[in-house]
Amino acid sequence: MAQKHQDSFYEGWLYHFLVDPLLRRVHRLVRSQVKPGSTLIDIGCGTGELLFSLADVGSDLVGVETSRGMWSFANRQAQTRGFNNVQILFGDGAKLEKFSTGFFDYAIACMVLHEMGASQRLPVLQEMKRLASNLILVDYRVPAPTNLAVTMCRFIERLAGPRHFRNYTSFINGGGLLSLYEILGLTVRKQLTFYSQCIHLVLL
C-alpha cells in the first residue's frame, strides 16, 4: 500500500529547531554503526539531519520523504550546506523500483516507523530488505519501561496531532520493531538501548 502523508504544522523549520536537537545522540549512534565509504538510504529522512551527519562517512547517500514540507526543507538544506553526495527524493519508501536489489550497503529508518499507519510498515521494511544487506532501525522500545522519559515521549507524540498519535499507539500496541522484523524473519545482530530505555537501535 502506498504511503499517504498529510503535512503537519511542525514539519520543516519548526521540526528542525525543536526536534532535531533532541535526536543528535540518536544520529551519533547510527553513525557509529555505519562503515566508512558505504552507500545508504534513509527512509523518512525528514529534515535530512541524519543524512547530513553521515555525509563525511558515506559515499552516496539518498533520503526518501513523503512530506512535501520536509522534502523541500531537506533539499534546500542540502544545497545551502553543500552536501553534494546527498540526494533527497520525494516519494514512497515502499516503492523504490528505480534502485536495483542490493543497491545500498545500508537502509535506515530512524524514528519513522511509529509515524506510519499499521498497513504501511511491513511494505517499507520489505523494500528496505530488498535494497540493502544491512538494516538499521531506531524507534520506541516495546514493551516500554515505566519512567519519566517514556511519559514525556508519549506526551510529545500526543502533541503531534490525533492522526500521528493513533499511528504511534498502533505501533506500541502492535509490538513495536520486534513484531515487524520477526514477521520478516530478520535476525538482530546488535541492539543498543538509550534515553532511559525508551528508544532502541537494532542492526539487522
C-alpha atoms as a PDB file:
ATOM      1  CA  MET A   1       0.000   0.000   0.000  1.00  0.00           C
ATOM      2  CA  ALA A   2       1.314   3.443  -0.852  1.00  0.00           C
ATOM      3  CA  GLN A   3       2.401   5.728   1.925  1.00  0.00           C
ATOM      4  CA  LYS A   4      -0.124   8.526   2.407  1.00  0.00           C
ATOM      5  CA  HIS A   5       1.081  11.650   4.135  1.00  0.00           C
ATOM      6  CA  GLN A   6      -0.598  14.869   5.108  1.00  0.00           C
ATOM      7  CA  ASP A   7       1.852  17.582   6.086  1.00  0.00           C
ATOM      8  CA  SER A   8       1.673  18.619   9.734  1.00  0.00           C
ATOM      9  CA  PHE A   9       2.130  22.035  11.298  1.00  0.00           C
ATOM     10  CA  TYR A  10       5.508  21.118  12.814  1.00  0.00           C
ATOM     11  CA  GLU A  11       7.219  19.942   9.620  1.00  0.00           C
ATOM     12  CA  GLY A  12      10.129  21.955   8.272  1.00  0.00           C
ATOM     13  CA  TRP A  13      11.747  24.729  10.286  1.00  0.00           C
ATOM     14  CA  LEU A  14       9.785  24.040  13.481  1.00  0.00           C
ATOM     15  CA  TYR A  15      10.805  20.369  13.479  1.00  0.00           C
ATOM     16  CA  HIS A  16      14.388  21.379  12.702  1.00  0.00           C
ATOM     17  CA  PHE A  17      14.630  23.697  15.694  1.00  0.00           C
ATOM     18  CA  LEU A  18      12.581  21.726  18.228  1.00  0.00           C
ATOM     19  CA  VAL A  19      13.096  18.038  17.428  1.00  0.00           C
ATOM     20  CA  ASP A  20      16.381  17.661  15.536  1.00  0.00           C
ATOM     21  CA  PRO A  21      18.468  18.765  18.552  1.00  0.00           C
ATOM     22  CA  LEU A  22      16.836  16.009  20.633  1.00  0.00           C
ATOM     23  CA  LEU A  23      17.881  13.421  18.040  1.00  0.00           C
ATOM     24  CA  ARG A  24      21.576  14.283  17.878  1.00  0.00           C
ATOM     25  CA  ARG A  25      22.536  11.409  20.165  1.00  0.00           C
ATOM     26  CA  VAL A  26      20.476   9.056  18.017  1.00  0.00           C
ATOM     27  CA  HIS A  27      22.289  10.291  14.917  1.00  0.00           C
ATOM     28  CA  ARG A  28      25.670   9.730  16.579  1.00  0.00           C
ATOM     29  CA  LEU A  29      24.708   6.153  17.454  1.00  0.00           C
ATOM     30  CA  VAL A  30      23.551   5.457  13.897  1.00  0.00           C
ATOM     31  CA  ARG A  31      26.812   6.916  12.622  1.00  0.00           C
ATOM     32  CA  SER A  32      28.771   4.563  14.874  1.00  0.00           C
ATOM     33  CA  GLN A  33      27.196   1.580  13.061  1.00  0.00           C
ATOM     34  CA  VAL A  34      27.998   2.730   9.507  1.00  0.00           C
ATOM     35  CA  LYS A  35      31.261   1.680   7.896  1.00  0.00           C
ATOM     36  CA  PRO A  36      33.214   4.461   6.117  1.00  0.00           C
ATOM     37  CA  GLY A  37      32.671   4.669   2.374  1.00  0.00           C
ATOM     38  CA  SER A  38      29.263   2.990   2.492  1.00  0.00           C
ATOM     39  CA  THR A  39      26.209   3.793   0.406  1.00  0.00           C
ATOM     40  CA  LEU A  40      22.952   4.185   2.265  1.00  0.00           C
ATOM     41  CA  ILE A  41      19.318   5.164   2.015  1.00  0.00           C
ATOM     42  CA  ASP A  42      17.326   6.838   4.780  1.00  0.00           C
ATOM     43  CA  ILE A  43      13.585   6.154   4.652  1.00  0.00           C
ATOM     44  CA  GLY A  44      11.519   9.000   6.044  1.00  0.00           C
ATOM     45  CA  CYS A  45      14.556  11.268   6.187  1.00  0.00           C
ATOM     46  CA  GLY A  46      12.633  14.293   7.483  1.00  0.00           C
ATOM     47  CA  THR A  47      14.758  17.437   7.549  1.00  0.00           C
ATOM     48  CA  GLY A  48      17.787  15.454   6.377  1.00  0.00           C
ATOM     49  CA  GLU A  49      19.823  15.934   9.546  1.00  0.00           C
ATOM     50  CA  LEU A  50      20.718  12.251   9.903  1.00  0.00           C
ATOM     51  CA  LEU A  51      21.950  12.126   6.308  1.00  0.00           C
ATOM     52  CA  PHE A  52      23.932  15.331   6.765  1.00  0.00           C
ATOM     53  CA  SER A  53      25.588  13.893   9.879  1.00  0.00           C
ATOM     54  CA  LEU A  54      26.689  10.911   7.746  1.00  0.00           C
ATOM     55  CA  ALA A  55      27.824  12.889   4.696  1.00  0.00           C
ATOM     56  CA  ASP A  56      31.515  12.645   5.589  1.00  0.00           C
ATOM     57  CA  VAL A  57      31.245   8.912   6.295  1.00  0.00           C
ATOM     58  CA  GLY A  58      29.142   7.630   3.393  1.00  0.00           C
ATOM     59  CA  SER A  59      29.995   7.836  -0.282  1.00  0.00           C
ATOM     60  CA  ASP A  60      26.493   8.179  -1.764  1.00  0.00           C
ATOM     61  CA  LEU A  61      23.517   8.941   0.441  1.00  0.00           C
ATOM     62  CA  VAL A  62      19.836   9.042  -0.508  1.00  0.00           C
ATOM     63  CA  GLY A  63      16.924  10.246   1.564  1.00  0.00           C
ATOM     64  CA  VAL A  64      13.277   9.470   0.822  1.00  0.00           C
ATOM     65  CA  GLU A  65      10.476  11.610   2.246  1.00  0.00           C
ATOM     66  CA  THR A  66       6.671  11.602   1.795  1.00  0.00           C
ATOM     67  CA  SER A  67       6.065  15.051   3.262  1.00  0.00           C
ATOM     68  CA  ARG A  68       6.481  17.831   0.725  1.00  0.00           C
ATOM     69  CA  GLY A  69       7.291  20.266   3.508  1.00  0.00           C
ATOM     70  CA  MET A  70      10.079  18.088   4.902  1.00  0.00           C
ATOM     71  CA  TRP A  71      11.337  17.156   1.431  1.00  0.00           C
ATOM     72  CA  SER A  72      11.521  20.782   0.348  1.00  0.00           C
ATOM     73  CA  PHE A  73      13.267  21.798   3.565  1.00  0.00           C
ATOM     74  CA  ALA A  74      15.818  18.956   3.335  1.00  0.00           C
ATOM     75  CA  ASN A  75      16.563  19.751  -0.312  1.00  0.00           C
ATOM     76  CA  ARG A  76      17.230  23.399   0.483  1.00  0.00           C
ATOM     77  CA  GLN A  77      19.450  22.452   3.399  1.00  0.00           C
ATOM     78  CA  ALA A  78      21.484  20.012   1.288  1.00  0.00           C
ATOM     79  CA  GLN A  79      22.083  22.662  -1.355  1.00  0.00           C
ATOM     80  CA  THR A  80      22.762  25.529   1.046  1.00  0.00           C
ATOM     81  CA  ARG A  81      25.156  23.490   3.158  1.00  0.00           C
ATOM     82  CA  GLY A  82      26.954  21.976   0.167  1.00  0.00           C
ATOM     83  CA  PHE A  83      26.256  18.264   0.677  1.00  0.00           C
ATOM     84  CA  ASN A  84      26.981  17.154  -2.876  1.00  0.00           C
ATOM     85  CA  ASN A  85      26.832  13.425  -2.092  1.00  0.00           C
ATOM     86  CA  VAL A  86      23.326  13.659  -0.582  1.00  0.00           C
ATOM     87  CA  GLN A  87      20.179  13.283  -2.714  1.00  0.00           C
ATOM     88  CA  ILE A  88      16.679  13.849  -1.309  1.00  0.00           C
ATOM     89  CA  LEU A  89      13.795  12.154  -3.130  1.00  0.00           C
ATOM     90  CA  PHE A  90      10.081  12.806  -2.729  1.00  0.00           C
ATOM     91  CA  GLY A  91       8.227   9.510  -2.758  1.00  0.00           C
ATOM     92  CA  ASP A  92       7.010   6.316  -1.154  1.00  0.00           C
ATOM     93  CA  GLY A  93       9.564   4.325   0.823  1.00  0.00           C
ATOM     94  CA  ALA A  94       7.768   1.109  -0.147  1.00  0.00           C
ATOM     95  CA  LYS A  95       8.114   1.759  -3.891  1.00  0.00           C
ATOM     96  CA  LEU A  96      11.704   2.416  -4.863  1.00  0.00           C
ATOM     97  CA  GLU A  97      11.908   0.409  -8.081  1.00  0.00           C
ATOM     98  CA  LYS A  98      14.437   2.842  -9.558  1.00  0.00           C
ATOM     99  CA  PHE A  99      17.044   1.191  -7.312  1.00  0.00           C
ATOM    100  CA  SER A 100      18.103  -2.389  -8.018  1.00  0.00           C
ATOM    101  CA  THR A 101      18.184  -5.128  -5.388  1.00  0.00           C
ATOM    102  CA  GLY A 102      21.142  -4.727  -3.046  1.00  0.00           C
ATOM    103  CA  PHE A 103      21.919  -1.247  -4.390  1.00  0.00           C
ATOM    104  CA  PHE A 104      22.835   0.128  -0.946  1.00  0.00           C
ATOM    105  CA  ASP A 105      25.048  -1.070   1.874  1.00  0.00           C
ATOM    106  CA  TYR A 106      22.612   0.241   4.498  1.00  0.00           C
ATOM    107  CA  ALA A 107      18.918   1.076   4.678  1.00  0.00           C
ATOM    108  CA  ILE A 108      17.895   3.179   7.673  1.00  0.00           C
ATOM    109  CA  ALA A 109      14.544   4.013   9.269  1.00  0.00           C
ATOM    110  CA  CYS A 110      15.106   6.357  12.196  1.00  0.00           C
ATOM    111  CA  MET A 111      12.127   7.314  14.379  1.00  0.00           C
ATOM    112  CA  VAL A 112       9.758   6.993  11.431  1.00  0.00           C
ATOM    113  CA  LEU A 113       8.025   3.595  11.587  1.00  0.00           C
ATOM    114  CA  HIS A 114       5.847   4.661  14.528  1.00  0.00           C
ATOM    115  CA  GLU A 115       4.628   7.598  12.411  1.00  0.00           C
ATOM    116  CA  MET A 116       3.275   5.313   9.670  1.00  0.00           C
ATOM    117  CA  GLY A 117      -0.089   3.639   9.526  1.00  0.00           C
ATOM    118  CA  ALA A 118      -0.038  -0.022  10.557  1.00  0.00           C
ATOM    119  CA  SER A 119      -0.519  -1.254   6.967  1.00  0.00           C
ATOM    120  CA  GLN A 120       2.443   0.778   5.690  1.00  0.00           C
ATOM    121  CA  ARG A 121       5.227  -0.513   7.945  1.00  0.00           C
ATOM    122  CA  LEU A 122       5.818  -4.013   6.583  1.00  0.00           C
ATOM    123  CA  PRO A 123       5.902  -2.932   2.901  1.00  0.00           C
ATOM    124  CA  VAL A 124       8.503  -0.314   3.780  1.00  0.00           C
ATOM    125  CA  LEU A 125      10.622  -2.835   5.681  1.00  0.00           C
ATOM    126  CA  GLN A 126      10.329  -5.344   2.838  1.00  0.00           C
ATOM    127  CA  GLU A 127      11.614  -2.723   0.417  1.00  0.00           C
ATOM    128  CA  MET A 128      14.451  -1.835   2.777  1.00  0.00           C
ATOM    129  CA  LYS A 129      15.370  -5.521   2.987  1.00  0.00           C
ATOM    130  CA  ARG A 130      15.443  -5.691  -0.814  1.00  0.00           C
ATOM    131  CA  LEU A 131      17.618  -2.621  -1.158  1.00  0.00           C
ATOM    132  CA  ALA A 132      20.324  -3.282   1.424  1.00  0.00           C
ATOM    133  CA  SER A 133      22.160  -6.069   3.194  1.00  0.00           C
ATOM    134  CA  ASN A 134      22.230  -4.089   6.462  1.00  0.00           C
ATOM    135  CA  LEU A 135      19.178  -2.540   8.095  1.00  0.00           C
ATOM    136  CA  ILE A 136      19.365  -0.002  10.915  1.00  0.00           C
ATOM    137  CA  LEU A 137      16.087   0.667  12.698  1.00  0.00           C
ATOM    138  CA  VAL A 138      15.608   3.166  15.512  1.00  0.00           C
ATOM    139  CA  ASP A 139      12.317   3.629  17.305  1.00  0.00           C
ATOM    140  CA  TYR A 140      10.470   3.372  20.601  1.00  0.00           C
ATOM    141  CA  ARG A 141      11.241   0.292  22.660  1.00  0.00           C
ATOM    142  CA  VAL A 142       8.351  -2.101  23.253  1.00  0.00           C
ATOM    143  CA  PRO A 143       7.484  -3.044  25.934  1.00  0.00           C
ATOM    144  CA  ALA A 144       8.409   0.308  27.378  1.00  0.00           C
ATOM    145  CA  PRO A 145       9.603   0.778  30.949  1.00  0.00           C
ATOM    146  CA  THR A 146       7.609   2.892  33.366  1.00  0.00           C
ATOM    147  CA  ASN A 147       9.615   6.061  33.770  1.00  0.00           C
ATOM    148  CA  LEU A 148       9.549   9.816  33.162  1.00  0.00           C
ATOM    149  CA  ALA A 149      11.256   9.576  29.743  1.00  0.00           C
ATOM    150  CA  VAL A 150       8.521   7.317  28.367  1.00  0.00           C
ATOM    151  CA  THR A 151       5.830   9.591  29.812  1.00  0.00           C
ATOM    152  CA  MET A 152       7.420  12.623  28.163  1.00  0.00           C
ATOM    153  CA  CYS A 153       7.758  10.848  24.804  1.00  0.00           C
ATOM    154  CA  ARG A 154       4.105   9.850  24.898  1.00  0.00           C
ATOM    155  CA  PHE A 155       3.162  13.449  25.679  1.00  0.00           C
ATOM    156  CA  ILE A 156       5.211  14.729  22.736  1.00  0.00           C
ATOM    157  CA  GLU A 157       3.637  12.176  20.397  1.00  0.00           C
ATOM    158  CA  ARG A 158       0.176  13.307  21.505  1.00  0.00           C
ATOM    159  CA  LEU A 159       1.077  16.932  20.769  1.00  0.00           C
ATOM    160  CA  ALA A 160       1.913  15.959  17.174  1.00  0.00           C
ATOM    161  CA  GLY A 161      -1.794  15.534  16.436  1.00  0.00           C
ATOM    162  CA  PRO A 162      -4.567  12.893  16.520  1.00  0.00           C
ATOM    163  CA  ARG A 163      -3.513  11.009  13.361  1.00  0.00           C
ATOM    164  CA  HIS A 164       0.110  10.898  14.445  1.00  0.00           C
ATOM    165  CA  PHE A 165      -0.840   9.715  17.931  1.00  0.00           C
ATOM    166  CA  ARG A 166      -3.085   6.967  16.525  1.00  0.00           C
ATOM    167  CA  ASN A 167      -0.158   5.650  14.479  1.00  0.00           C
ATOM    168  CA  TYR A 168       2.164   5.836  17.483  1.00  0.00           C
ATOM    169  CA  THR A 169      -0.377   3.949  19.603  1.00  0.00           C
ATOM    170  CA  SER A 170      -0.843   1.236  16.985  1.00  0.00           C
ATOM    171  CA  PHE A 171       2.944   0.830  16.776  1.00  0.00           C
ATOM    172  CA  ILE A 172       3.229   0.389  20.551  1.00  0.00           C
ATOM    173  CA  ASN A 173       0.189  -1.888  20.871  1.00  0.00           C
ATOM    174  CA  GLY A 174       1.333  -3.932  17.874  1.00  0.00           C
ATOM    175  CA  GLY A 175       4.630  -4.882  19.482  1.00  0.00           C
ATOM    176  CA  GLY A 176       6.937  -2.235  18.009  1.00  0.00           C
ATOM    177  CA  LEU A 177      10.006  -3.171  15.991  1.00  0.00           C
ATOM    178  CA  LEU A 178      10.157  -6.711  17.357  1.00  0.00           C
ATOM    179  CA  SER A 179       6.870  -7.768  15.800  1.00  0.00           C
ATOM    180  CA  LEU A 180       7.893  -6.296  12.448  1.00  0.00           C
ATOM    181  CA  TYR A 181      11.301  -7.860  11.988  1.00  0.00           C
ATOM    182  CA  GLU A 182      10.133 -11.208  13.362  1.00  0.00           C
ATOM    183  CA  ILE A 183       7.428 -11.366  10.662  1.00  0.00           C
ATOM    184  CA  LEU A 184      10.125 -10.816   8.020  1.00  0.00           C
ATOM    185  CA  GLY A 185      12.408 -13.417   9.583  1.00  0.00           C
ATOM    186  CA  LEU A 186      15.192 -10.922  10.239  1.00  0.00           C
ATOM    187  CA  THR A 187      17.850 -11.568  12.876  1.00  0.00           C
ATOM    188  CA  VAL A 188      19.112  -8.899  15.251  1.00  0.00           C
ATOM    189  CA  ARG A 189      22.895  -8.589  15.090  1.00  0.00           C
ATOM    190  CA  LYS A 190      23.204  -5.711  17.529  1.00  0.00           C
ATOM    191  CA  GLN A 191      20.906  -3.754  19.789  1.00  0.00           C
ATOM    192  CA  LEU A 192      21.501  -0.519  21.688  1.00  0.00           C
ATOM    193  CA  THR A 193      19.028   0.930  24.173  1.00  0.00           C
ATOM    194  CA  PHE A 194      19.187   4.534  25.320  1.00  0.00           C
ATOM    195  CA  TYR A 195      17.217   7.559  26.567  1.00  0.00           C
ATOM    196  CA  SER A 196      16.308   5.785  29.811  1.00  0.00           C
ATOM    197  CA  GLN A 197      15.478   2.598  27.856  1.00  0.00           C
ATOM    198  CA  CYS A 198      12.787   4.489  25.942  1.00  0.00           C
ATOM    199  CA  ILE A 199      14.353   4.103  22.490  1.00  0.00           C
ATOM    200  CA  HIS A 200      16.397   1.364  20.898  1.00  0.00           C
ATOM    201  CA  LEU A 201      18.511   0.830  17.797  1.00  0.00           C
ATOM    202  CA  VAL A 202      18.653  -2.535  16.106  1.00  0.00           C
ATOM    203  CA  LEU A 203      21.086  -3.603  13.414  1.00  0.00           C
ATOM    204  CA  LEU A 204      19.630  -6.369  11.242  1.00  0.00           C
END
